[in-house]
């Protein structure tokens, strides 16, 4: 799942860079202080503890992506960008389902 997430993110990053190159949206890509703290904590973790934190962080990222997509859907006029946002929404929804399945199979609780 982690490898698929990396591949999907690289593919979508490239597509977004091209779609947003007209400068109509501010550039993103900055991690929150909370994300930096999680990364620092995760570097010290192994095994089940790491897995639980990883799933929790990924769940938070997916929920954030879904919120951003929902909030910005009415502000986007470009058909190409709307199509790209639909692809990203599908990926986010699929990722959420995968996270839930993994969490359930490992008896982890996602918030």
PDB file of N, CA and C in Angstrom:
ATOM      1  N   UNK A   1       0.824  -1.184   0.000  1.00  0.00           N
ATOM      2  CA  UNK A   1       0.000   0.000   0.000  1.00  0.00           C
ATOM      3  C   UNK A   1       0.872   1.253   0.000  1.00  0.00           C
ATOM      4  N   UNK A   2       1.934   1.232   0.782  1.00  0.00           N
ATOM      5  CA  UNK A   2       2.819   2.397   0.841  1.00  0.00           C
ATOM      6  C   UNK A   2       3.449   2.667  -0.527  1.00  0.00           C
ATOM      7  N   UNK A   3       3.895   1.612  -1.207  1.00  0.00           N
ATOM      8  CA  UNK A   3       4.506   1.795  -2.528  1.00  0.00           C
ATOM      9  C   UNK A   3       3.484   2.339  -3.526  1.00  0.00           C
ATOM     10  N   UNK A   4       2.256   1.846  -3.485  1.00  0.00           N
ATOM     11  CA  UNK A   4       1.214   2.344  -4.381  1.00  0.00           C
ATOM     12  C   UNK A   4       0.907   3.812  -4.091  1.00  0.00           C
ATOM     13  N   UNK A   5       0.899   4.183  -2.828  1.00  0.00           N
ATOM     14  CA  UNK A   5       0.664   5.575  -2.444  1.00  0.00           C
ATOM     15  C   UNK A   5       1.759   6.478  -3.011  1.00  0.00           C
ATOM     16  N   UNK A   6       2.997   6.041  -2.905  1.00  0.00           N
ATOM     17  CA  UNK A   6       4.118   6.817  -3.432  1.00  0.00           C
ATOM     18  C   UNK A   6       3.977   7.001  -4.948  1.00  0.00           C
ATOM     19  N   UNK A   7       3.666   5.925  -5.658  1.00  0.00           N
ATOM     20  CA  UNK A   7       3.515   6.021  -7.107  1.00  0.00           C
ATOM     21  C   UNK A   7       2.352   6.941  -7.485  1.00  0.00           C
ATOM     22  N   UNK A   8       1.233   6.793  -6.805  1.00  0.00           N
ATOM     23  CA  UNK A   8       0.071   7.658  -7.069  1.00  0.00           C
ATOM     24  C   UNK A   8       0.399   9.118  -6.808  1.00  0.00           C
ATOM     25  N   UNK A   9       1.083   9.375  -5.699  1.00  0.00           N
ATOM     26  CA  UNK A   9       1.430  10.752  -5.355  1.00  0.00           C
ATOM     27  C   UNK A   9       2.371  11.378  -6.383  1.00  0.00           C
ATOM     28  N   UNK A  10       3.343  10.626  -6.849  1.00  0.00           N
ATOM     29  CA  UNK A  10       4.253  11.144  -7.871  1.00  0.00           C
ATOM     30  C   UNK A  10       3.492  11.457  -9.164  1.00  0.00           C
ATOM     31  N   UNK A  11       2.601  10.560  -9.535  1.00  0.00           N
ATOM     32  CA  UNK A  11       1.826  10.756 -10.760  1.00  0.00           C
ATOM     33  C   UNK A  11       0.930  11.983 -10.638  1.00  0.00           C
ATOM     34  N   UNK A  12       0.249  12.128  -9.508  1.00  0.00           N
ATOM     35  CA  UNK A  12      -0.655  13.264  -9.314  1.00  0.00           C
ATOM     36  C   UNK A  12       0.116  14.573  -9.123  1.00  0.00           C
ATOM     37  N   UNK A  13       1.278  14.514  -8.484  1.00  0.00           N
ATOM     38  CA  UNK A  13       2.102  15.720  -8.340  1.00  0.00           C
ATOM     39  C   UNK A  13       2.481  16.278  -9.699  1.00  0.00           C
ATOM     40  N   UNK A  14       2.892  15.380 -10.600  1.00  0.00           N
ATOM     41  CA  UNK A  14       3.248  15.818 -11.950  1.00  0.00           C
ATOM     42  C   UNK A  14       2.063  16.409 -12.685  1.00  0.00           C
ATOM     43  N   UNK A  15       0.919  15.771 -12.564  1.00  0.00           N
ATOM     44  CA  UNK A  15      -0.282  16.271 -13.229  1.00  0.00           C
ATOM     45  C   UNK A  15      -0.717  17.612 -12.641  1.00  0.00           C
ATOM     46  N   UNK A  16      -0.640  17.742 -11.328  1.00  0.00           N
ATOM     47  CA  UNK A  16      -1.022  19.003 -10.683  1.00  0.00           C
ATOM     48  C   UNK A  16      -0.062  20.129 -11.043  1.00  0.00           C
ATOM     49  N   UNK A  17       1.226  19.823 -11.092  1.00  0.00           N
ATOM     50  CA  UNK A  17       2.206  20.846 -11.448  1.00  0.00           C
ATOM     51  C   UNK A  17       1.895  21.410 -12.828  1.00  0.00           C
ATOM     52  N   UNK A  18       1.587  20.536 -13.758  1.00  0.00           N
ATOM     53  CA  UNK A  18       1.242  20.988 -15.099  1.00  0.00           C
ATOM     54  C   UNK A  18      -0.053  21.776 -15.128  1.00  0.00           C
ATOM     55  N   UNK A  19      -1.055  21.315 -14.418  1.00  0.00           N
ATOM     56  CA  UNK A  19      -2.357  21.978 -14.419  1.00  0.00           C
ATOM     57  C   UNK A  19      -2.317  23.325 -13.714  1.00  0.00           C
ATOM     58  N   UNK A  20      -1.461  23.448 -12.718  1.00  0.00           N
ATOM     59  CA  UNK A  20      -1.419  24.681 -11.935  1.00  0.00           C
ATOM     60  C   UNK A  20      -0.317  25.642 -12.387  1.00  0.00           C
ATOM     61  N   UNK A  21       0.368  25.294 -13.453  1.00  0.00           N
ATOM     62  CA  UNK A  21       1.485  26.122 -13.885  1.00  0.00           C
ATOM     63  C   UNK A  21       1.064  27.515 -14.343  1.00  0.00           C
ATOM     64  N   UNK A  22      -0.231  27.723 -14.542  1.00  0.00           N
ATOM     65  CA  UNK A  22      -0.695  29.052 -14.952  1.00  0.00           C
ATOM     66  C   UNK A  22      -0.721  30.042 -13.797  1.00  0.00           C
ATOM     67  N   UNK A  23      -0.439  29.588 -12.575  1.00  0.00           N
ATOM     68  CA  UNK A  23      -0.333  30.483 -11.424  1.00  0.00           C
ATOM     69  C   UNK A  23      -1.658  30.888 -10.806  1.00  0.00           C
ATOM     70  N   UNK A  24      -2.734  30.220 -11.169  1.00  0.00           N
ATOM     71  CA  UNK A  24      -4.029  30.615 -10.622  1.00  0.00           C
ATOM     72  C   UNK A  24      -4.267  30.109  -9.209  1.00  0.00           C
ATOM     73  N   UNK A  25      -3.452  29.190  -8.749  1.00  0.00           N
ATOM     74  CA  UNK A  25      -3.558  28.669  -7.392  1.00  0.00           C
ATOM     75  C   UNK A  25      -2.217  28.792  -6.712  1.00  0.00           C
ATOM     76  N   UNK A  26      -2.199  29.048  -5.419  1.00  0.00           N
ATOM     77  CA  UNK A  26      -0.925  29.116  -4.709  1.00  0.00           C
ATOM     78  C   UNK A  26      -0.282  27.743  -4.624  1.00  0.00           C
ATOM     79  N   UNK A  27       1.016  27.722  -4.623  1.00  0.00           N
ATOM     80  CA  UNK A  27       1.743  26.455  -4.516  1.00  0.00           C
ATOM     81  C   UNK A  27       1.601  25.891  -3.113  1.00  0.00           C
ATOM     82  N   UNK A  28       1.451  24.594  -3.033  1.00  0.00           N
ATOM     83  CA  UNK A  28       1.352  23.921  -1.746  1.00  0.00           C
ATOM     84  C   UNK A  28       2.660  23.242  -1.431  1.00  0.00           C
ATOM     85  N   UNK A  29       2.573  22.131  -0.741  1.00  0.00           N
ATOM     86  CA  UNK A  29       3.748  21.337  -0.510  1.00  0.00           C
ATOM     87  C   UNK A  29       4.421  21.538   0.830  1.00  0.00           C
ATOM     88  N   UNK A  30       3.935  22.418   1.646  1.00  0.00           N
ATOM     89  CA  UNK A  30       4.538  22.612   2.966  1.00  0.00           C
ATOM     90  C   UNK A  30       3.873  21.687   3.972  1.00  0.00           C
ATOM     91  N   UNK A  31       4.697  21.076   4.784  1.00  0.00           N
ATOM     92  CA  UNK A  31       4.175  20.208   5.834  1.00  0.00           C
ATOM     93  C   UNK A  31       3.853  21.037   7.069  1.00  0.00           C
ATOM     94  N   UNK A  32       2.785  20.662   7.721  1.00  0.00           N
ATOM     95  CA  UNK A  32       2.415  21.344   8.955  1.00  0.00           C
ATOM     96  C   UNK A  32       3.393  20.973  10.068  1.00  0.00           C
ATOM     97  N   UNK A  33       3.379  21.772  11.130  1.00  0.00           N
ATOM     98  CA  UNK A  33       4.249  21.445  12.268  1.00  0.00           C
ATOM     99  C   UNK A  33       3.839  20.103  12.870  1.00  0.00           C
ATOM    100  N   UNK A  34       2.542  19.798  12.814  1.00  0.00           N
ATOM    101  CA  UNK A  34       2.060  18.507  13.317  1.00  0.00           C
ATOM    102  C   UNK A  34       2.652  17.360  12.496  1.00  0.00           C
ATOM    103  N   UNK A  35       2.726  17.537  11.176  1.00  0.00           N
ATOM    104  CA  UNK A  35       3.304  16.496  10.319  1.00  0.00           C
ATOM    105  C   UNK A  35       4.789  16.322  10.625  1.00  0.00           C
ATOM    106  N   UNK A  36       5.503  17.420  10.836  1.00  0.00           N
ATOM    107  CA  UNK A  36       6.924  17.330  11.185  1.00  0.00           C
ATOM    108  C   UNK A  36       7.121  16.585  12.503  1.00  0.00           C
ATOM    109  N   UNK A  37       6.262  16.860  13.477  1.00  0.00           N
ATOM    110  CA  UNK A  37       6.352  16.156  14.764  1.00  0.00           C
ATOM    111  C   UNK A  37       6.096  14.663  14.585  1.00  0.00           C
ATOM    112  N   UNK A  38       5.102  14.327  13.759  1.00  0.00           N
ATOM    113  CA  UNK A  38       4.787  12.917  13.521  1.00  0.00           C
ATOM    114  C   UNK A  38       5.962  12.212  12.849  1.00  0.00           C
ATOM    115  N   UNK A  39       6.569  12.867  11.865  1.00  0.00           N
ATOM    116  CA  UNK A  39       7.716  12.283  11.176  1.00  0.00           C
ATOM    117  C   UNK A  39       8.861  12.041  12.157  1.00  0.00           C
ATOM    118  N   UNK A  40       9.118  13.022  12.999  1.00  0.00           N
ATOM    119  CA  UNK A  40      10.181  12.886  13.992  1.00  0.00           C
ATOM    120  C   UNK A  40       9.890  11.710  14.938  1.00  0.00           C
ATOM    121  N   UNK A  41       8.646  11.605  15.387  1.00  0.00           N
ATOM    122  CA  UNK A  41       8.262  10.499  16.274  1.00  0.00           C
ATOM    123  C   UNK A  41       8.380   9.158  15.571  1.00  0.00           C
ATOM    124  N   UNK A  42       7.940   9.107  14.318  1.00  0.00           N
ATOM    125  CA  UNK A  42       7.937   7.844  13.582  1.00  0.00           C
ATOM    126  C   UNK A  42       9.339   7.324  13.325  1.00  0.00           C
ATOM    127  N   UNK A  43      10.328   8.207  13.247  1.00  0.00           N
ATOM    128  CA  UNK A  43      11.710   7.770  13.028  1.00  0.00           C
ATOM    129  C   UNK A  43      12.221   6.936  14.186  1.00  0.00           C
ATOM    130  N   UNK A  44      11.592   7.077  15.346  1.00  0.00           N
ATOM    131  CA  UNK A  44      12.010   6.334  16.543  1.00  0.00           C
ATOM    132  C   UNK A  44      11.190   5.060  16.740  1.00  0.00           C
ATOM    133  N   UNK A  45      10.177   4.851  15.909  1.00  0.00           N
ATOM    134  CA  UNK A  45       9.257   3.730  16.092  1.00  0.00           C
ATOM    135  C   UNK A  45       9.595   2.568  15.173  1.00  0.00           C
ATOM    136  N   UNK A  46       9.141   1.387  15.580  1.00  0.00           N
ATOM    137  CA  UNK A  46       9.250   0.188  14.755  1.00  0.00           C
ATOM    138  C   UNK A  46       7.994  -0.650  14.960  1.00  0.00           C
ATOM    139  N   UNK A  47       7.830  -1.625  14.108  1.00  0.00           N
ATOM    140  CA  UNK A  47       6.778  -2.612  14.268  1.00  0.00           C
ATOM    141  C   UNK A  47       5.373  -2.039  14.332  1.00  0.00           C
ATOM    142  N   UNK A  48       4.574  -2.588  15.219  1.00  0.00           N
ATOM    143  CA  UNK A  48       3.172  -2.239  15.350  1.00  0.00           C
ATOM    144  C   UNK A  48       2.973  -0.770  15.685  1.00  0.00           C
ATOM    145  N   UNK A  49       3.826  -0.243  16.528  1.00  0.00           N
ATOM    146  CA  UNK A  49       3.706   1.165  16.908  1.00  0.00           C
ATOM    147  C   UNK A  49       3.865   2.064  15.674  1.00  0.00           C
ATOM    148  N   UNK A  50       4.844   1.765  14.822  1.00  0.00           N
ATOM    149  CA  UNK A  50       5.053   2.523  13.593  1.00  0.00           C
ATOM    150  C   UNK A  50       3.850   2.364  12.656  1.00  0.00           C
ATOM    151  N   UNK A  51       3.403   1.121  12.491  1.00  0.00           N
ATOM    152  CA  UNK A  51       2.274   0.854  11.593  1.00  0.00           C
ATOM    153  C   UNK A  51       1.040   1.646  11.991  1.00  0.00           C
ATOM    154  N   UNK A  52       0.746   1.662  13.287  1.00  0.00           N
ATOM    155  CA  UNK A  52      -0.425   2.393  13.782  1.00  0.00           C
ATOM    156  C   UNK A  52      -0.289   3.888  13.485  1.00  0.00           C
ATOM    157  N   UNK A  53       0.875   4.449  13.753  1.00  0.00           N
ATOM    158  CA  UNK A  53       1.099   5.871  13.505  1.00  0.00           C
ATOM    159  C   UNK A  53       1.033   6.175  12.013  1.00  0.00           C
ATOM    160  N   UNK A  54       1.623   5.314  11.191  1.00  0.00           N
ATOM    161  CA  UNK A  54       1.601   5.505   9.742  1.00  0.00           C
ATOM    162  C   UNK A  54       0.166   5.532   9.228  1.00  0.00           C
ATOM    163  N   UNK A  55      -0.629   4.557   9.622  1.00  0.00           N
ATOM    164  CA  UNK A  55      -2.025   4.506   9.182  1.00  0.00           C
ATOM    165  C   UNK A  55      -2.804   5.732   9.655  1.00  0.00           C
ATOM    166  N   UNK A  56      -2.556   6.136  10.865  1.00  0.00           N
ATOM    167  CA  UNK A  56      -3.242   7.304  11.408  1.00  0.00           C
ATOM    168  C   UNK A  56      -2.872   8.568  10.632  1.00  0.00           C
ATOM    169  N   UNK A  57      -1.594   8.733  10.350  1.00  0.00           N
ATOM    170  CA  UNK A  57      -1.142   9.900   9.579  1.00  0.00           C
ATOM    171  C   UNK A  57      -1.713   9.882   8.169  1.00  0.00           C
ATOM    172  N   UNK A  58      -1.660   8.731   7.518  1.00  0.00           N
ATOM    173  CA  UNK A  58      -2.200   8.621   6.163  1.00  0.00           C
ATOM    174  C   UNK A  58      -3.695   8.922   6.144  1.00  0.00           C
ATOM    175  N   UNK A  59      -4.406   8.459   7.142  1.00  0.00           N
ATOM    176  CA  UNK A  59      -5.838   8.730   7.238  1.00  0.00           C
ATOM    177  C   UNK A  59      -6.090  10.236   7.346  1.00  0.00           C
ATOM    178  N   UNK A  60      -5.277  10.906   8.140  1.00  0.00           N
ATOM    179  CA  UNK A  60      -5.407  12.353   8.275  1.00  0.00           C
ATOM    180  C   UNK A  60      -5.123  13.078   6.970  1.00  0.00           C
ATOM    181  N   UNK A  61      -4.099  12.630   6.241  1.00  0.00           N
ATOM    182  CA  UNK A  61      -3.771  13.247   4.954  1.00  0.00           C
ATOM    183  C   UNK A  61      -4.906  13.055   3.951  1.00  0.00           C
ATOM    184  N   UNK A  62      -5.464  11.850   3.920  1.00  0.00           N
ATOM    185  CA  UNK A  62      -6.558  11.572   2.986  1.00  0.00           C
ATOM    186  C   UNK A  62      -7.775  12.438   3.319  1.00  0.00           C
ATOM    187  N   UNK A  63      -8.111  12.526   4.589  1.00  0.00           N
ATOM    188  CA  UNK A  63      -9.249  13.361   4.979  1.00  0.00           C
ATOM    189  C   UNK A  63      -9.008  14.828   4.624  1.00  0.00           C
ATOM    190  N   UNK A  64      -7.783  15.287   4.812  1.00  0.00           N
ATOM    191  CA  UNK A  64      -7.441  16.657   4.448  1.00  0.00           C
ATOM    192  C   UNK A  64      -7.593  16.865   2.934  1.00  0.00           C
ATOM    193  N   UNK A  65      -7.082  15.915   2.144  1.00  0.00           N
ATOM    194  CA  UNK A  65      -7.226  16.009   0.686  1.00  0.00           C
ATOM    195  C   UNK A  65      -8.696  16.065   0.287  1.00  0.00           C
ATOM    196  N   UNK A  66      -9.508  15.208   0.889  1.00  0.00           N
ATOM    197  CA  UNK A  66     -10.935  15.187   0.566  1.00  0.00           C
ATOM    198  C   UNK A  66     -11.590  16.525   0.913  1.00  0.00           C
ATOM    199  N   UNK A  67     -11.232  17.109   2.026  1.00  0.00           N
ATOM    200  CA  UNK A  67     -11.802  18.393   2.429  1.00  0.00           C
ATOM    201  C   UNK A  67     -11.398  19.501   1.464  1.00  0.00           C
ATOM    202  N   UNK A  68     -10.118  19.532   1.121  1.00  0.00           N
ATOM    203  CA  UNK A  68      -9.639  20.551   0.182  1.00  0.00           C
ATOM    204  C   UNK A  68     -10.353  20.414  -1.158  1.00  0.00           C
ATOM    205  N   UNK A  69     -10.497  19.198  -1.629  1.00  0.00           N
ATOM    206  CA  UNK A  69     -11.178  18.983  -2.904  1.00  0.00           C
ATOM    207  C   UNK A  69     -12.633  19.428  -2.840  1.00  0.00           C
ATOM    208  N   UNK A  70     -13.300  19.110  -1.754  1.00  0.00           N
ATOM    209  CA  UNK A  70     -14.699  19.531  -1.596  1.00  0.00           C
ATOM    210  C   UNK A  70     -14.818  21.043  -1.506  1.00  0.00           C
ATOM    211  N   UNK A  71     -13.943  21.657  -0.719  1.00  0.00           N
ATOM    212  CA  UNK A  71     -13.997  23.110  -0.525  1.00  0.00           C
ATOM    213  C   UNK A  71     -13.692  23.891  -1.801  1.00  0.00           C
ATOM    214  N   UNK A  72     -12.814  23.350  -2.635  1.00  0.00           N
ATOM    215  CA  UNK A  72     -12.382  24.098  -3.820  1.00  0.00           C
ATOM    216  C   UNK A  72     -13.132  23.727  -5.091  1.00  0.00           C
ATOM    217  N   UNK A  73     -13.994  22.729  -5.035  1.00  0.00           N
ATOM    218  CA  UNK A  73     -14.641  22.254  -6.259  1.00  0.00           C
ATOM    219  C   UNK A  73     -15.477  23.330  -6.949  1.00  0.00           C
ATOM    220  N   UNK A  74     -16.110  24.206  -6.209  1.00  0.00           N
ATOM    221  CA  UNK A  74     -16.932  25.244  -6.831  1.00  0.00           C
ATOM    222  C   UNK A  74     -16.108  26.405  -7.367  1.00  0.00           C
ATOM    223  N   UNK A  75     -14.866  26.550  -6.926  1.00  0.00           N
ATOM    224  CA  UNK A  75     -14.023  27.668  -7.355  1.00  0.00           C
ATOM    225  C   UNK A  75     -13.241  27.368  -8.629  1.00  0.00           C
ATOM    226  N   UNK A  76     -13.283  26.136  -9.088  1.00  0.00           N
ATOM    227  CA  UNK A  76     -12.492  25.738 -10.248  1.00  0.00           C
ATOM    228  C   UNK A  76     -13.341  25.832 -11.513  1.00  0.00           C
ATOM    229  N   UNK A  77     -12.845  26.593 -12.475  1.00  0.00           N
ATOM    230  CA  UNK A  77     -13.567  26.768 -13.734  1.00  0.00           C
ATOM    231  C   UNK A  77     -12.980  25.957 -14.881  1.00  0.00           C
ATOM    232  N   UNK A  78     -11.732  25.596 -14.788  1.00  0.00           N
ATOM    233  CA  UNK A  78     -11.052  24.869 -15.858  1.00  0.00           C
ATOM    234  C   UNK A  78     -11.544  23.425 -15.937  1.00  0.00           C
ATOM    235  N   UNK A  79     -12.032  23.004 -17.115  1.00  0.00           N
ATOM    236  CA  UNK A  79     -12.468  21.606 -17.272  1.00  0.00           C
ATOM    237  C   UNK A  79     -11.332  20.611 -17.021  1.00  0.00           C
ATOM    238  N   UNK A  80     -10.111  20.967 -17.453  1.00  0.00           N
ATOM    239  CA  UNK A  80      -8.974  20.071 -17.229  1.00  0.00           C
ATOM    240  C   UNK A  80      -8.683  19.911 -15.740  1.00  0.00           C
ATOM    241  N   UNK A  81      -8.745  21.015 -15.022  1.00  0.00           N
ATOM    242  CA  UNK A  81      -8.481  20.960 -13.588  1.00  0.00           C
ATOM    243  C   UNK A  81      -9.608  20.235 -12.858  1.00  0.00           C
ATOM    244  N   UNK A  82     -10.837  20.430 -13.306  1.00  0.00           N
ATOM    245  CA  UNK A  82     -11.964  19.690 -12.705  1.00  0.00           C
ATOM    246  C   UNK A  82     -11.785  18.186 -12.906  1.00  0.00           C
ATOM    247  N   UNK A  83     -11.360  17.793 -14.095  1.00  0.00           N
ATOM    248  CA  UNK A  83     -11.137  16.366 -14.376  1.00  0.00           C
ATOM    249  C   UNK A  83     -10.020  15.810 -13.497  1.00  0.00           C
ATOM    250  N   UNK A  84      -8.970  16.581 -13.339  1.00  0.00           N
ATOM    251  CA  UNK A  84      -7.860  16.166 -12.483  1.00  0.00           C
ATOM    252  C   UNK A  84      -8.316  16.048 -11.032  1.00  0.00           C
ATOM    253  N   UNK A  85      -9.111  16.999 -10.586  1.00  0.00           N
ATOM    254  CA  UNK A  85      -9.627  16.944  -9.213  1.00  0.00           C
ATOM    255  C   UNK A  85     -10.504  15.710  -9.008  1.00  0.00           C
ATOM    256  N   UNK A  86     -11.265  15.328 -10.032  1.00  0.00           N
ATOM    257  CA  UNK A  86     -12.090  14.121  -9.934  1.00  0.00           C
ATOM    258  C   UNK A  86     -11.205  12.881  -9.798  1.00  0.00           C
ATOM    259  N   UNK A  87     -10.093  12.848 -10.535  1.00  0.00           N
ATOM    260  CA  UNK A  87      -9.155  11.728 -10.423  1.00  0.00           C
ATOM    261  C   UNK A  87      -8.557  11.663  -9.024  1.00  0.00           C
ATOM    262  N   UNK A  88      -8.174  12.815  -8.515  1.00  0.00           N
ATOM    263  CA  UNK A  88      -7.580  12.865  -7.181  1.00  0.00           C
ATOM    264  C   UNK A  88      -8.610  12.444  -6.141  1.00  0.00           C
ATOM    265  N   UNK A  89      -9.842  12.872  -6.308  1.00  0.00           N
ATOM    266  CA  UNK A  89     -10.909  12.489  -5.365  1.00  0.00           C
ATOM    267  C   UNK A  89     -11.096  10.977  -5.366  1.00  0.00           C
ATOM    268  N   UNK A  90     -11.085  10.378  -6.553  1.00  0.00           N
ATOM    269  CA  UNK A  90     -11.210   8.920  -6.654  1.00  0.00           C
ATOM    270  C   UNK A  90     -10.052   8.230  -5.946  1.00  0.00           C
ATOM    271  N   UNK A  91      -8.827   8.729  -6.168  1.00  0.00           N
ATOM    272  CA  UNK A  91      -7.664   8.161  -5.480  1.00  0.00           C
ATOM    273  C   UNK A  91      -7.792   8.295  -3.967  1.00  0.00           C
ATOM    274  N   UNK A  92      -8.222   9.465  -3.508  1.00  0.00           N
ATOM    275  CA  UNK A  92      -8.367   9.694  -2.064  1.00  0.00           C
ATOM    276  C   UNK A  92      -9.425   8.763  -1.480  1.00  0.00           C
ATOM    277  N   UNK A  93     -10.536   8.606  -2.179  1.00  0.00           N
ATOM    278  CA  UNK A  93     -11.593   7.722  -1.688  1.00  0.00           C
ATOM    279  C   UNK A  93     -11.126   6.266  -1.655  1.00  0.00           C
ATOM    280  N   UNK A  94     -10.396   5.854  -2.682  1.00  0.00           N
ATOM    281  CA  UNK A  94      -9.848   4.492  -2.707  1.00  0.00           C
ATOM    282  C   UNK A  94      -8.832   4.283  -1.596  1.00  0.00           C
ATOM    283  N   UNK A  95      -7.979   5.290  -1.391  1.00  0.00           N
ATOM    284  CA  UNK A  95      -6.976   5.201  -0.335  1.00  0.00           C
ATOM    285  C   UNK A  95      -7.645   5.102   1.035  1.00  0.00           C
ATOM    286  N   UNK A  96      -8.706   5.882   1.245  1.00  0.00           N
ATOM    287  CA  UNK A  96      -9.426   5.809   2.513  1.00  0.00           C
ATOM    288  C   UNK A  96      -9.966   4.402   2.750  1.00  0.00           C
ATOM    289  N   UNK A  97     -10.509   3.791   1.722  1.00  0.00           N
ATOM    290  CA  UNK A  97     -11.039   2.436   1.838  1.00  0.00           C
ATOM    291  C   UNK A  97      -9.909   1.450   2.160  1.00  0.00           C
ATOM    292  N   UNK A  98      -8.769   1.592   1.492  1.00  0.00           N
ATOM    293  CA  UNK A  98      -7.626   0.717   1.770  1.00  0.00           C
ATOM    294  C   UNK A  98      -7.148   0.867   3.206  1.00  0.00           C
ATOM    295  N   UNK A  99      -7.054   2.103   3.674  1.00  0.00           N
ATOM    296  CA  UNK A  99      -6.620   2.346   5.049  1.00  0.00           C
ATOM    297  C   UNK A  99      -7.563   1.686   6.043  1.00  0.00           C
ATOM    298  N   UNK A 100      -8.847   1.808   5.803  1.00  0.00           N
ATOM    299  CA  UNK A 100      -9.837   1.192   6.703  1.00  0.00           C
ATOM    300  C   UNK A 100      -9.688  -0.327   6.712  1.00  0.00           C
ATOM    301  N   UNK A 101      -9.470  -0.907   5.529  1.00  0.00           N
ATOM    302  CA  UNK A 101      -9.313  -2.363   5.448  1.00  0.00           C
ATOM    303  C   UNK A 101      -8.066  -2.835   6.195  1.00  0.00           C
ATOM    304  N   UNK A 102      -6.968  -2.134   5.997  1.00  0.00           N
ATOM    305  CA  UNK A 102      -5.728  -2.513   6.689  1.00  0.00           C
ATOM    306  C   UNK A 102      -5.890  -2.335   8.193  1.00  0.00           C
ATOM    307  N   UNK A 103      -6.465  -1.215   8.598  1.00  0.00           N
ATOM    308  CA  UNK A 103      -6.670  -0.968  10.028  1.00  0.00           C
ATOM    309  C   UNK A 103      -7.540  -2.056  10.643  1.00  0.00           C
ATOM    310  N   UNK A 104      -8.587  -2.427   9.948  1.00  0.00           N
ATOM    311  CA  UNK A 104      -9.478  -3.464  10.469  1.00  0.00           C
ATOM    312  C   UNK A 104      -8.751  -4.806  10.554  1.00  0.00           C
ATOM    313  N   UNK A 105      -7.981  -5.151   9.519  1.00  0.00           N
ATOM    314  CA  UNK A 105      -7.284  -6.440   9.530  1.00  0.00           C
ATOM    315  C   UNK A 105      -6.213  -6.508  10.619  1.00  0.00           C
ATOM    316  N   UNK A 106      -5.683  -5.352  11.019  1.00  0.00           N
ATOM    317  CA  UNK A 106      -4.656  -5.303  12.060  1.00  0.00           C
ATOM    318  C   UNK A 106      -5.213  -4.928  13.434  1.00  0.00           C
ATOM    319  N   UNK A 107      -6.536  -4.776  13.501  1.00  0.00           N
ATOM    320  CA  UNK A 107      -7.217  -4.388  14.746  1.00  0.00           C
ATOM    321  C   UNK A 107      -6.735  -3.038  15.252  1.00  0.00           C
ATOM    322  N   UNK A 108      -6.441  -2.126  14.315  1.00  0.00           N
ATOM    323  CA  UNK A 108      -6.087  -0.749  14.659  1.00  0.00           C
ATOM    324  C   UNK A 108      -7.331   0.101  14.576  1.00  0.00           C
ATOM    325  N   UNK A 109      -7.363   1.117  15.387  1.00  0.00           N
ATOM    326  CA  UNK A 109      -8.506   2.028  15.381  1.00  0.00           C
ATOM    327  C   UNK A 109      -8.081   3.353  14.746  1.00  0.00           C
ATOM    328  N   UNK A 110      -8.780   3.747  13.697  1.00  0.00           N
ATOM    329  CA  UNK A 110      -8.556   5.044  13.073  1.00  0.00           C
ATOM    330  C   UNK A 110      -9.629   5.992  13.555  1.00  0.00           C
ATOM    331  N   UNK A 111      -9.236   7.241  13.775  1.00  0.00           N
ATOM    332  CA  UNK A 111     -10.191   8.224  14.276  1.00  0.00           C
ATOM    333  C   UNK A 111     -10.879   8.931  13.138  1.00  0.00           C
TER     334      UNK A 111
END
